[in-house]
Amino acid sequence: MGRERDLDPNMSPRAFFGSELRRCRKKIGLSQPQLSERTTYGPDMIGKIERGERPPSPEFVQQCDQIFGIDGHFDRLYQFMLQTSGPAWFARWLEEIEPRATVLRTWDPLLIPGLLQTEAYARYVFAGAPGITPEEVEERLASRMRRKAILDRQIPPMVWALVDEYVLRRPVGDAVTMREQLDYLVEMAQHPKVTIQVVAAECMTGMMSAFMIAQLPGGEPDVINVESSVEGNVTTDHEAVAHIWLRYDTIRASAYPEHLSNKMIKEAIGQWT
């Protein structure tokens, strides 16, 4: 068996579960094969769970609590992991792709990109979903705020955010919400790993949908996340990735330079004062 790879437990709820499993296993002196003998999972699957590559089953969670003698500890971690809200296709992006990305490129023609949204702005966006309950709004909000933790890591990914010019002046919530949101954009523009560029309103290339492009370490293929109001798709398909890259480059060709973009954001703040 190869050397066990270190895992950042702050990457995602699944990564935290895996790191806790490894910590408890080593604390009582069990190898992965020895733990496998006491559970229904093989050593390879246990390794994948510890690396955050696969989620555990409820049965495995219950077995871990019994083996390690920690009353409900892994069950509580499992329930927390399940709280990651959003559709199944986006859960893969949240758990497997975004936390490992070295570079993230994002575009949304209608809203401030999710990684750069304030709590008040995001709450208003979520509250607009038909039939959504206040509890569901808060669950989705908590998930979005947890995503932003990747920018606080010791080595955060590079983030290239393209923002449509009209988004700066489109009301989402009240004037206070918008001012706080644009103030936050100005603040995040100072982050050494974040670049924000405003795209001229005349650009029509990106009007069809929002998308993100993730570059992963170790020569892995790029992954795209393309979403609309009814569905989304996370894929490494070569043709799809090439198409989104072309769209991204075309949109960015209509973007203002970084210093002018920052000036435009500051000028738009005046509308909401």
C-alpha atoms as a PDB file:
ATOM      1  CA  MET A   1       0.000   0.000   0.000  1.00  0.00           C
ATOM      2  CA  GLY A   2       1.337   3.452  -0.925  1.00  0.00           C
ATOM      3  CA  ARG A   3       1.970   6.325   1.435  1.00  0.00           C
ATOM      4  CA  GLU A   4      -1.240   7.862   2.743  1.00  0.00           C
ATOM      5  CA  ARG A   5      -1.791  11.298   1.246  1.00  0.00           C
ATOM      6  CA  ASP A   6      -2.275  14.248   3.563  1.00  0.00           C
ATOM      7  CA  LEU A   7      -5.746  15.791   3.439  1.00  0.00           C
ATOM      8  CA  ASP A   8      -6.843  19.300   4.342  1.00  0.00           C
ATOM      9  CA  PRO A   9      -9.900  18.730   6.613  1.00  0.00           C
ATOM     10  CA  ASN A  10     -11.144  22.244   5.846  1.00  0.00           C
ATOM     11  CA  MET A  11     -11.623  21.494   2.152  1.00  0.00           C
ATOM     12  CA  SER A  12     -15.150  20.136   2.577  1.00  0.00           C
ATOM     13  CA  PRO A  13     -17.441  18.274   5.036  1.00  0.00           C
ATOM     14  CA  ARG A  14     -16.485  15.025   3.278  1.00  0.00           C
ATOM     15  CA  ALA A  15     -12.788  15.788   3.729  1.00  0.00           C
ATOM     16  CA  PHE A  16     -13.361  16.541   7.415  1.00  0.00           C
ATOM     17  CA  PHE A  17     -15.133  13.199   7.866  1.00  0.00           C
ATOM     18  CA  GLY A  18     -12.237  11.409   6.154  1.00  0.00           C
ATOM     19  CA  SER A  19      -9.601  13.145   8.256  1.00  0.00           C
ATOM     20  CA  GLU A  20     -11.476  12.269  11.455  1.00  0.00           C
ATOM     21  CA  LEU A  21     -11.748   8.642  10.374  1.00  0.00           C
ATOM     22  CA  ARG A  22      -8.002   8.486   9.752  1.00  0.00           C
ATOM     23  CA  ARG A  23      -7.207  10.240  13.054  1.00  0.00           C
ATOM     24  CA  CYS A  24      -9.370   7.863  15.094  1.00  0.00           C
ATOM     25  CA  ARG A  25      -8.108   4.807  13.245  1.00  0.00           C
ATOM     26  CA  LYS A  26      -4.482   5.671  13.896  1.00  0.00           C
ATOM     27  CA  LYS A  27      -5.209   6.621  17.506  1.00  0.00           C
ATOM     28  CA  ILE A  28      -6.168   3.022  18.331  1.00  0.00           C
ATOM     29  CA  GLY A  29      -3.422   1.566  16.117  1.00  0.00           C
ATOM     30  CA  LEU A  30      -5.481   0.115  13.281  1.00  0.00           C
ATOM     31  CA  SER A  31      -4.331  -0.129   9.677  1.00  0.00           C
ATOM     32  CA  GLN A  32      -6.840   0.247   6.858  1.00  0.00           C
ATOM     33  CA  PRO A  33      -6.923  -3.555   6.283  1.00  0.00           C
ATOM     34  CA  GLN A  34      -7.487  -4.125  10.009  1.00  0.00           C
ATOM     35  CA  LEU A  35     -10.349  -1.632  10.059  1.00  0.00           C
ATOM     36  CA  SER A  36     -11.728  -3.343   6.963  1.00  0.00           C
ATOM     37  CA  GLU A  37     -11.926  -6.641   8.848  1.00  0.00           C
ATOM     38  CA  ARG A  38     -14.286  -4.997  11.345  1.00  0.00           C
ATOM     39  CA  THR A  39     -16.534  -3.310   8.782  1.00  0.00           C
ATOM     40  CA  THR A  40     -18.320  -4.075   5.523  1.00  0.00           C
ATOM     41  CA  TYR A  41     -15.890  -1.944   3.480  1.00  0.00           C
ATOM     42  CA  GLY A  42     -12.648  -3.079   1.851  1.00  0.00           C
ATOM     43  CA  PRO A  43      -9.311  -1.322   2.466  1.00  0.00           C
ATOM     44  CA  ASP A  44      -9.434   0.486  -0.875  1.00  0.00           C
ATOM     45  CA  MET A  45     -12.849   2.010  -0.143  1.00  0.00           C
ATOM     46  CA  ILE A  46     -11.760   3.017   3.358  1.00  0.00           C
ATOM     47  CA  GLY A  47      -8.767   4.757   1.779  1.00  0.00           C
ATOM     48  CA  LYS A  48     -11.058   6.639  -0.592  1.00  0.00           C
ATOM     49  CA  ILE A  49     -13.273   7.751   2.298  1.00  0.00           C
ATOM     50  CA  GLU A  50     -10.236   8.958   4.257  1.00  0.00           C
ATOM     51  CA  ARG A  51      -9.058  10.926   1.217  1.00  0.00           C
ATOM     52  CA  GLY A  52     -12.494  12.494   0.779  1.00  0.00           C
ATOM     53  CA  GLU A  53     -12.970  10.806  -2.595  1.00  0.00           C
ATOM     54  CA  ARG A  54     -16.057   8.776  -1.625  1.00  0.00           C
ATOM     55  CA  PRO A  55     -18.865   9.352   0.894  1.00  0.00           C
ATOM     56  CA  PRO A  56     -19.479   6.732   3.617  1.00  0.00           C
ATOM     57  CA  SER A  57     -22.674   4.716   3.878  1.00  0.00           C
ATOM     58  CA  PRO A  58     -24.968   5.032   6.944  1.00  0.00           C
ATOM     59  CA  GLU A  59     -24.046   1.449   7.864  1.00  0.00           C
ATOM     60  CA  PHE A  60     -20.334   2.230   7.778  1.00  0.00           C
ATOM     61  CA  VAL A  61     -20.906   5.361   9.894  1.00  0.00           C
ATOM     62  CA  GLN A  62     -22.698   3.316  12.533  1.00  0.00           C
ATOM     63  CA  GLN A  63     -19.915   0.717  12.520  1.00  0.00           C
ATOM     64  CA  CYS A  64     -17.282   3.431  13.053  1.00  0.00           C
ATOM     65  CA  ASP A  65     -19.089   4.816  16.087  1.00  0.00           C
ATOM     66  CA  GLN A  66     -19.182   1.305  17.563  1.00  0.00           C
ATOM     67  CA  ILE A  67     -15.557   0.462  16.752  1.00  0.00           C
ATOM     68  CA  PHE A  68     -14.058   3.693  18.069  1.00  0.00           C
ATOM     69  CA  GLY A  69     -16.395   3.941  21.050  1.00  0.00           C
ATOM     70  CA  ILE A  70     -17.270   7.579  20.355  1.00  0.00           C
ATOM     71  CA  ASP A  71     -20.940   8.104  21.071  1.00  0.00           C
ATOM     72  CA  GLY A  72     -22.516   9.402  17.866  1.00  0.00           C
ATOM     73  CA  HIS A  73     -19.400  11.294  16.748  1.00  0.00           C
ATOM     74  CA  PHE A  74     -19.304   9.940  13.197  1.00  0.00           C
ATOM     75  CA  ASP A  75     -23.068  10.061  12.871  1.00  0.00           C
ATOM     76  CA  ARG A  76     -22.988  13.788  13.667  1.00  0.00           C
ATOM     77  CA  LEU A  77     -20.221  14.313  11.092  1.00  0.00           C
ATOM     78  CA  TYR A  78     -22.234  12.334   8.563  1.00  0.00           C
ATOM     79  CA  GLN A  79     -25.367  14.429   9.166  1.00  0.00           C
ATOM     80  CA  PHE A  80     -23.297  17.605   8.791  1.00  0.00           C
ATOM     81  CA  MET A  81     -21.914  16.279   5.518  1.00  0.00           C
ATOM     82  CA  LEU A  82     -25.450  15.689   4.249  1.00  0.00           C
ATOM     83  CA  GLN A  83     -26.360  19.319   4.955  1.00  0.00           C
ATOM     84  CA  THR A  84     -24.434  20.411   1.880  1.00  0.00           C
ATOM     85  CA  SER A  85     -27.399  21.772  -0.017  1.00  0.00           C
ATOM     86  CA  GLY A  86     -28.055  21.972  -3.709  1.00  0.00           C
ATOM     87  CA  PRO A  87     -28.798  19.496  -6.500  1.00  0.00           C
ATOM     88  CA  ALA A  88     -26.859  16.262  -6.893  1.00  0.00           C
ATOM     89  CA  TRP A  89     -24.889  17.488  -9.901  1.00  0.00           C
ATOM     90  CA  PHE A  90     -23.648  20.491  -7.910  1.00  0.00           C
ATOM     91  CA  ALA A  91     -22.766  18.363  -4.878  1.00  0.00           C
ATOM     92  CA  ARG A  92     -20.033  16.706  -6.967  1.00  0.00           C
ATOM     93  CA  TRP A  93     -18.623  20.127  -7.806  1.00  0.00           C
ATOM     94  CA  LEU A  94     -18.712  21.225  -4.157  1.00  0.00           C
ATOM     95  CA  GLU A  95     -17.218  18.052  -2.731  1.00  0.00           C
ATOM     96  CA  GLU A  96     -14.823  16.749  -5.375  1.00  0.00           C
ATOM     97  CA  ILE A  97     -13.835  19.537  -7.756  1.00  0.00           C
ATOM     98  CA  GLU A  98     -13.838  23.031  -6.275  1.00  0.00           C
ATOM     99  CA  PRO A  99     -11.886  22.166  -3.071  1.00  0.00           C
ATOM    100  CA  ARG A 100      -9.008  20.703  -5.137  1.00  0.00           C
ATOM    101  CA  ALA A 101      -8.871  23.377  -7.825  1.00  0.00           C
ATOM    102  CA  THR A 102      -5.710  25.397  -8.284  1.00  0.00           C
ATOM    103  CA  VAL A 103      -7.459  27.905 -10.569  1.00  0.00           C
ATOM    104  CA  LEU A 104     -11.164  28.775 -10.766  1.00  0.00           C
ATOM    105  CA  ARG A 105     -12.624  30.859 -13.567  1.00  0.00           C
ATOM    106  CA  THR A 106     -16.212  31.981 -13.156  1.00  0.00           C
ATOM    107  CA  TRP A 107     -18.838  33.813 -15.184  1.00  0.00           C
ATOM    108  CA  ASP A 108     -22.468  34.654 -14.411  1.00  0.00           C
ATOM    109  CA  PRO A 109     -24.437  36.998 -16.686  1.00  0.00           C
ATOM    110  CA  LEU A 110     -27.098  37.792 -14.067  1.00  0.00           C
ATOM    111  CA  LEU A 111     -25.547  37.786 -10.597  1.00  0.00           C
ATOM    112  CA  ILE A 112     -22.377  38.361  -8.618  1.00  0.00           C
ATOM    113  CA  PRO A 113     -20.452  35.028  -8.704  1.00  0.00           C
ATOM    114  CA  GLY A 114     -21.323  32.785  -5.754  1.00  0.00           C
ATOM    115  CA  LEU A 115     -17.803  32.763  -4.275  1.00  0.00           C
ATOM    116  CA  LEU A 116     -17.933  36.565  -4.048  1.00  0.00           C
ATOM    117  CA  GLN A 117     -21.457  37.003  -2.691  1.00  0.00           C
ATOM    118  CA  THR A 118     -22.174  38.499   0.721  1.00  0.00           C
ATOM    119  CA  GLU A 119     -24.521  36.726   3.103  1.00  0.00           C
ATOM    120  CA  ALA A 120     -27.340  39.260   2.615  1.00  0.00           C
ATOM    121  CA  TYR A 121     -27.045  39.185  -1.189  1.00  0.00           C
ATOM    122  CA  ALA A 122     -27.021  35.380  -1.310  1.00  0.00           C
ATOM    123  CA  ARG A 123     -29.979  35.137   1.079  1.00  0.00           C
ATOM    124  CA  TYR A 124     -32.074  37.354  -1.198  1.00  0.00           C
ATOM    125  CA  VAL A 125     -31.093  35.277  -4.246  1.00  0.00           C
ATOM    126  CA  PHE A 126     -32.049  31.991  -2.566  1.00  0.00           C
ATOM    127  CA  ALA A 127     -35.281  33.390  -1.149  1.00  0.00           C
ATOM    128  CA  GLY A 128     -36.521  34.022  -4.697  1.00  0.00           C
ATOM    129  CA  ALA A 129     -36.757  30.306  -5.535  1.00  0.00           C
ATOM    130  CA  PRO A 130     -40.406  29.217  -5.969  1.00  0.00           C
ATOM    131  CA  GLY A 131     -41.773  27.323  -2.963  1.00  0.00           C
ATOM    132  CA  ILE A 132     -38.558  27.454  -0.946  1.00  0.00           C
ATOM    133  CA  THR A 133     -38.941  27.438   2.849  1.00  0.00           C
ATOM    134  CA  PRO A 134     -37.034  29.735   5.242  1.00  0.00           C
ATOM    135  CA  GLU A 135     -35.200  26.662   6.563  1.00  0.00           C
ATOM    136  CA  GLU A 136     -34.091  25.701   3.054  1.00  0.00           C
ATOM    137  CA  VAL A 137     -32.914  29.250   2.416  1.00  0.00           C
ATOM    138  CA  GLU A 138     -30.717  29.146   5.513  1.00  0.00           C
ATOM    139  CA  GLU A 139     -29.335  25.700   4.592  1.00  0.00           C
ATOM    140  CA  ARG A 140     -28.344  26.869   1.130  1.00  0.00           C
ATOM    141  CA  LEU A 141     -26.920  30.065   2.566  1.00  0.00           C
ATOM    142  CA  ALA A 142     -24.775  28.146   5.050  1.00  0.00           C
ATOM    143  CA  SER A 143     -23.473  25.944   2.235  1.00  0.00           C
ATOM    144  CA  ARG A 144     -22.548  28.965   0.121  1.00  0.00           C
ATOM    145  CA  MET A 145     -20.749  30.659   2.990  1.00  0.00           C
ATOM    146  CA  ARG A 146     -18.776  27.445   3.652  1.00  0.00           C
ATOM    147  CA  ARG A 147     -17.635  27.451   0.012  1.00  0.00           C
ATOM    148  CA  LYS A 148     -15.916  30.784   0.528  1.00  0.00           C
ATOM    149  CA  ALA A 149     -13.558  29.191   3.058  1.00  0.00           C
ATOM    150  CA  ILE A 150     -11.341  28.008   0.202  1.00  0.00           C
ATOM    151  CA  LEU A 151     -10.153  31.609  -0.187  1.00  0.00           C
ATOM    152  CA  ASP A 152      -8.946  31.577   3.435  1.00  0.00           C
ATOM    153  CA  ARG A 153      -6.790  28.488   3.040  1.00  0.00           C
ATOM    154  CA  GLN A 154      -3.036  28.725   3.386  1.00  0.00           C
ATOM    155  CA  ILE A 155      -2.731  28.152  -0.354  1.00  0.00           C
ATOM    156  CA  PRO A 156      -6.016  29.296  -1.927  1.00  0.00           C
ATOM    157  CA  PRO A 157      -6.808  28.810  -5.608  1.00  0.00           C
ATOM    158  CA  MET A 158      -6.480  31.608  -8.111  1.00  0.00           C
ATOM    159  CA  VAL A 159      -9.935  33.021  -8.849  1.00  0.00           C
ATOM    160  CA  TRP A 160     -10.675  34.886 -12.094  1.00  0.00           C
ATOM    161  CA  ALA A 161     -14.185  36.351 -11.892  1.00  0.00           C
ATOM    162  CA  LEU A 162     -15.919  38.004 -14.838  1.00  0.00           C
ATOM    163  CA  VAL A 163     -18.854  40.221 -13.813  1.00  0.00           C
ATOM    164  CA  ASP A 164     -21.380  41.634 -16.280  1.00  0.00           C
ATOM    165  CA  GLU A 165     -21.503  45.437 -16.151  1.00  0.00           C
ATOM    166  CA  TYR A 166     -25.265  45.489 -15.616  1.00  0.00           C
ATOM    167  CA  VAL A 167     -24.992  43.219 -12.549  1.00  0.00           C
ATOM    168  CA  LEU A 168     -23.421  46.131 -10.651  1.00  0.00           C
ATOM    169  CA  ARG A 169     -26.628  48.126 -11.061  1.00  0.00           C
ATOM    170  CA  ARG A 170     -29.234  45.395 -10.973  1.00  0.00           C
ATOM    171  CA  PRO A 171     -31.101  45.545  -7.615  1.00  0.00           C
ATOM    172  CA  VAL A 172     -30.812  42.375  -5.548  1.00  0.00           C
ATOM    173  CA  GLY A 173     -32.392  43.167  -2.201  1.00  0.00           C
ATOM    174  CA  ASP A 174     -32.392  46.736  -0.940  1.00  0.00           C
ATOM    175  CA  ALA A 175     -29.845  49.524  -1.405  1.00  0.00           C
ATOM    176  CA  VAL A 176     -27.965  48.535   1.751  1.00  0.00           C
ATOM    177  CA  THR A 177     -27.566  44.975   0.468  1.00  0.00           C
ATOM    178  CA  MET A 178     -26.223  46.196  -2.856  1.00  0.00           C
ATOM    179  CA  ARG A 179     -23.809  48.673  -1.304  1.00  0.00           C
ATOM    180  CA  GLU A 180     -22.432  46.028   1.056  1.00  0.00           C
ATOM    181  CA  GLN A 181     -22.078  43.623  -1.877  1.00  0.00           C
ATOM    182  CA  LEU A 182     -20.162  46.074  -4.047  1.00  0.00           C
ATOM    183  CA  ASP A 183     -18.021  47.149  -1.089  1.00  0.00           C
ATOM    184  CA  TYR A 184     -17.167  43.478  -0.651  1.00  0.00           C
ATOM    185  CA  LEU A 185     -16.189  43.195  -4.320  1.00  0.00           C
ATOM    186  CA  VAL A 186     -13.795  46.110  -3.885  1.00  0.00           C
ATOM    187  CA  GLU A 187     -12.366  44.406  -0.814  1.00  0.00           C
ATOM    188  CA  MET A 188     -11.969  41.028  -2.532  1.00  0.00           C
ATOM    189  CA  ALA A 189     -10.310  42.698  -5.523  1.00  0.00           C
ATOM    190  CA  GLN A 190      -7.383  43.358  -3.170  1.00  0.00           C
ATOM    191  CA  HIS A 191      -6.989  39.651  -2.412  1.00  0.00           C
ATOM    192  CA  PRO A 192      -3.698  38.475  -3.975  1.00  0.00           C
ATOM    193  CA  LYS A 193      -5.382  35.434  -5.538  1.00  0.00           C
ATOM    194  CA  VAL A 194      -8.564  37.127  -6.810  1.00  0.00           C
ATOM    195  CA  THR A 195      -8.968  39.044 -10.080  1.00  0.00           C
ATOM    196  CA  ILE A 196     -12.304  40.717 -10.858  1.00  0.00           C
ATOM    197  CA  GLN A 197     -13.031  42.148 -14.295  1.00  0.00           C
ATOM    198  CA  VAL A 198     -16.207  43.898 -15.407  1.00  0.00           C
ATOM    199  CA  VAL A 199     -17.507  42.817 -18.813  1.00  0.00           C
ATOM    200  CA  ALA A 200     -19.012  45.393 -21.163  1.00  0.00           C
ATOM    201  CA  ALA A 201     -22.800  45.180 -21.266  1.00  0.00           C
ATOM    202  CA  GLU A 202     -22.690  44.912 -25.063  1.00  0.00           C
ATOM    203  CA  CYS A 203     -21.103  41.444 -24.853  1.00  0.00           C
ATOM    204  CA  MET A 204     -23.731  38.876 -25.831  1.00  0.00           C
ATOM    205  CA  THR A 205     -21.515  35.773 -25.861  1.00  0.00           C
ATOM    206  CA  GLY A 206     -22.152  34.825 -22.252  1.00  0.00           C
ATOM    207  CA  MET A 207     -25.877  35.493 -22.072  1.00  0.00           C
ATOM    208  CA  MET A 208     -26.848  31.827 -22.495  1.00  0.00           C
ATOM    209  CA  SER A 209     -25.694  30.489 -19.118  1.00  0.00           C
ATOM    210  CA  ALA A 210     -23.378  30.780 -16.150  1.00  0.00           C
ATOM    211  CA  PHE A 211     -20.341  28.531 -15.902  1.00  0.00           C
ATOM    212  CA  MET A 212     -17.133  27.795 -14.026  1.00  0.00           C
ATOM    213  CA  ILE A 213     -13.856  26.254 -15.158  1.00  0.00           C
ATOM    214  CA  ALA A 214     -11.652  24.416 -12.670  1.00  0.00           C
ATOM    215  CA  GLN A 215      -7.998  23.623 -13.266  1.00  0.00           C
ATOM    216  CA  LEU A 216      -6.844  20.718 -11.097  1.00  0.00           C
ATOM    217  CA  PRO A 217      -3.365  19.706  -9.923  1.00  0.00           C
ATOM    218  CA  GLY A 218      -1.233  16.870 -11.240  1.00  0.00           C
ATOM    219  CA  GLY A 219      -2.094  17.273 -14.884  1.00  0.00           C
ATOM    220  CA  GLU A 220      -5.724  16.242 -14.398  1.00  0.00           C
ATOM    221  CA  PRO A 221      -8.107  17.440 -17.135  1.00  0.00           C
ATOM    222  CA  ASP A 222     -10.009  20.686 -16.655  1.00  0.00           C
ATOM    223  CA  VAL A 223     -13.542  20.386 -15.312  1.00  0.00           C
ATOM    224  CA  ILE A 224     -16.460  22.644 -16.212  1.00  0.00           C
ATOM    225  CA  ASN A 225     -19.657  23.397 -14.338  1.00  0.00           C
ATOM    226  CA  VAL A 226     -22.352  24.769 -16.644  1.00  0.00           C
ATOM    227  CA  GLU A 227     -25.714  25.683 -15.163  1.00  0.00           C
ATOM    228  CA  SER A 228     -29.080  27.088 -16.123  1.00  0.00           C
ATOM    229  CA  SER A 229     -32.291  27.699 -14.187  1.00  0.00           C
ATOM    230  CA  VAL A 230     -33.405  24.066 -14.533  1.00  0.00           C
ATOM    231  CA  GLU A 231     -30.279  21.920 -14.732  1.00  0.00           C
ATOM    232  CA  GLY A 232     -26.534  21.771 -14.534  1.00  0.00           C
ATOM    233  CA  ASN A 233     -23.664  19.671 -15.788  1.00  0.00           C
ATOM    234  CA  VAL A 234     -20.221  18.898 -14.361  1.00  0.00           C
ATOM    235  CA  THR A 235     -17.972  17.253 -16.926  1.00  0.00           C
ATOM    236  CA  THR A 236     -14.444  16.765 -18.246  1.00  0.00           C
ATOM    237  CA  ASP A 237     -15.675  16.000 -21.767  1.00  0.00           C
ATOM    238  CA  HIS A 238     -13.017  17.386 -24.096  1.00  0.00           C
ATOM    239  CA  GLU A 239     -15.388  19.005 -26.595  1.00  0.00           C
ATOM    240  CA  ALA A 240     -17.565  20.563 -23.891  1.00  0.00           C
ATOM    241  CA  VAL A 241     -14.533  21.917 -22.016  1.00  0.00           C
ATOM    242  CA  ALA A 242     -13.048  23.340 -25.222  1.00  0.00           C
ATOM    243  CA  HIS A 243     -16.366  25.035 -26.039  1.00  0.00           C
ATOM    244  CA  ILE A 244     -16.590  26.678 -22.607  1.00  0.00           C
ATOM    245  CA  TRP A 245     -12.959  27.790 -22.778  1.00  0.00           C
ATOM    246  CA  LEU A 246     -13.708  29.480 -26.101  1.00  0.00           C
ATOM    247  CA  ARG A 247     -16.712  31.233 -24.622  1.00  0.00           C
ATOM    248  CA  TYR A 248     -14.700  32.323 -21.584  1.00  0.00           C
ATOM    249  CA  ASP A 249     -11.906  33.770 -23.724  1.00  0.00           C
ATOM    250  CA  THR A 250     -14.430  35.583 -25.929  1.00  0.00           C
ATOM    251  CA  ILE A 251     -16.199  37.082 -22.904  1.00  0.00           C
ATOM    252  CA  ARG A 252     -12.933  38.139 -21.319  1.00  0.00           C
ATOM    253  CA  ALA A 253     -11.962  39.900 -24.549  1.00  0.00           C
ATOM    254  CA  SER A 254     -14.877  42.253 -23.797  1.00  0.00           C
ATOM    255  CA  ALA A 255     -13.778  42.827 -20.190  1.00  0.00           C
ATOM    256  CA  TYR A 256     -12.278  46.054 -18.911  1.00  0.00           C
ATOM    257  CA  PRO A 257      -8.755  45.965 -17.402  1.00  0.00           C
ATOM    258  CA  GLU A 258      -8.575  45.193 -13.714  1.00  0.00           C
ATOM    259  CA  HIS A 259      -7.919  48.789 -12.577  1.00  0.00           C
ATOM    260  CA  LEU A 260     -10.773  50.175 -14.681  1.00  0.00           C
ATOM    261  CA  SER A 261     -13.074  47.416 -13.447  1.00  0.00           C
ATOM    262  CA  ASN A 262     -12.309  48.350  -9.860  1.00  0.00           C
ATOM    263  CA  LYS A 263     -13.057  51.991 -10.667  1.00  0.00           C
ATOM    264  CA  MET A 264     -16.392  51.019 -12.243  1.00  0.00           C
ATOM    265  CA  ILE A 265     -17.391  49.026  -9.158  1.00  0.00           C
ATOM    266  CA  LYS A 266     -16.578  51.980  -6.913  1.00  0.00           C
ATOM    267  CA  GLU A 267     -18.606  54.308  -9.162  1.00  0.00           C
ATOM    268  CA  ALA A 268     -21.572  51.919  -9.053  1.00  0.00           C
ATOM    269  CA  ILE A 269     -21.502  52.042  -5.254  1.00  0.00           C
ATOM    270  CA  GLY A 270     -22.680  55.628  -5.521  1.00  0.00           C
ATOM    271  CA  GLN A 271     -25.992  54.439  -6.975  1.00  0.00           C
ATOM    272  CA  TRP A 272     -26.705  52.510  -3.791  1.00  0.00           C
ATOM    273  CA  THR A 273     -25.666  55.192  -1.284  1.00  0.00           C
END
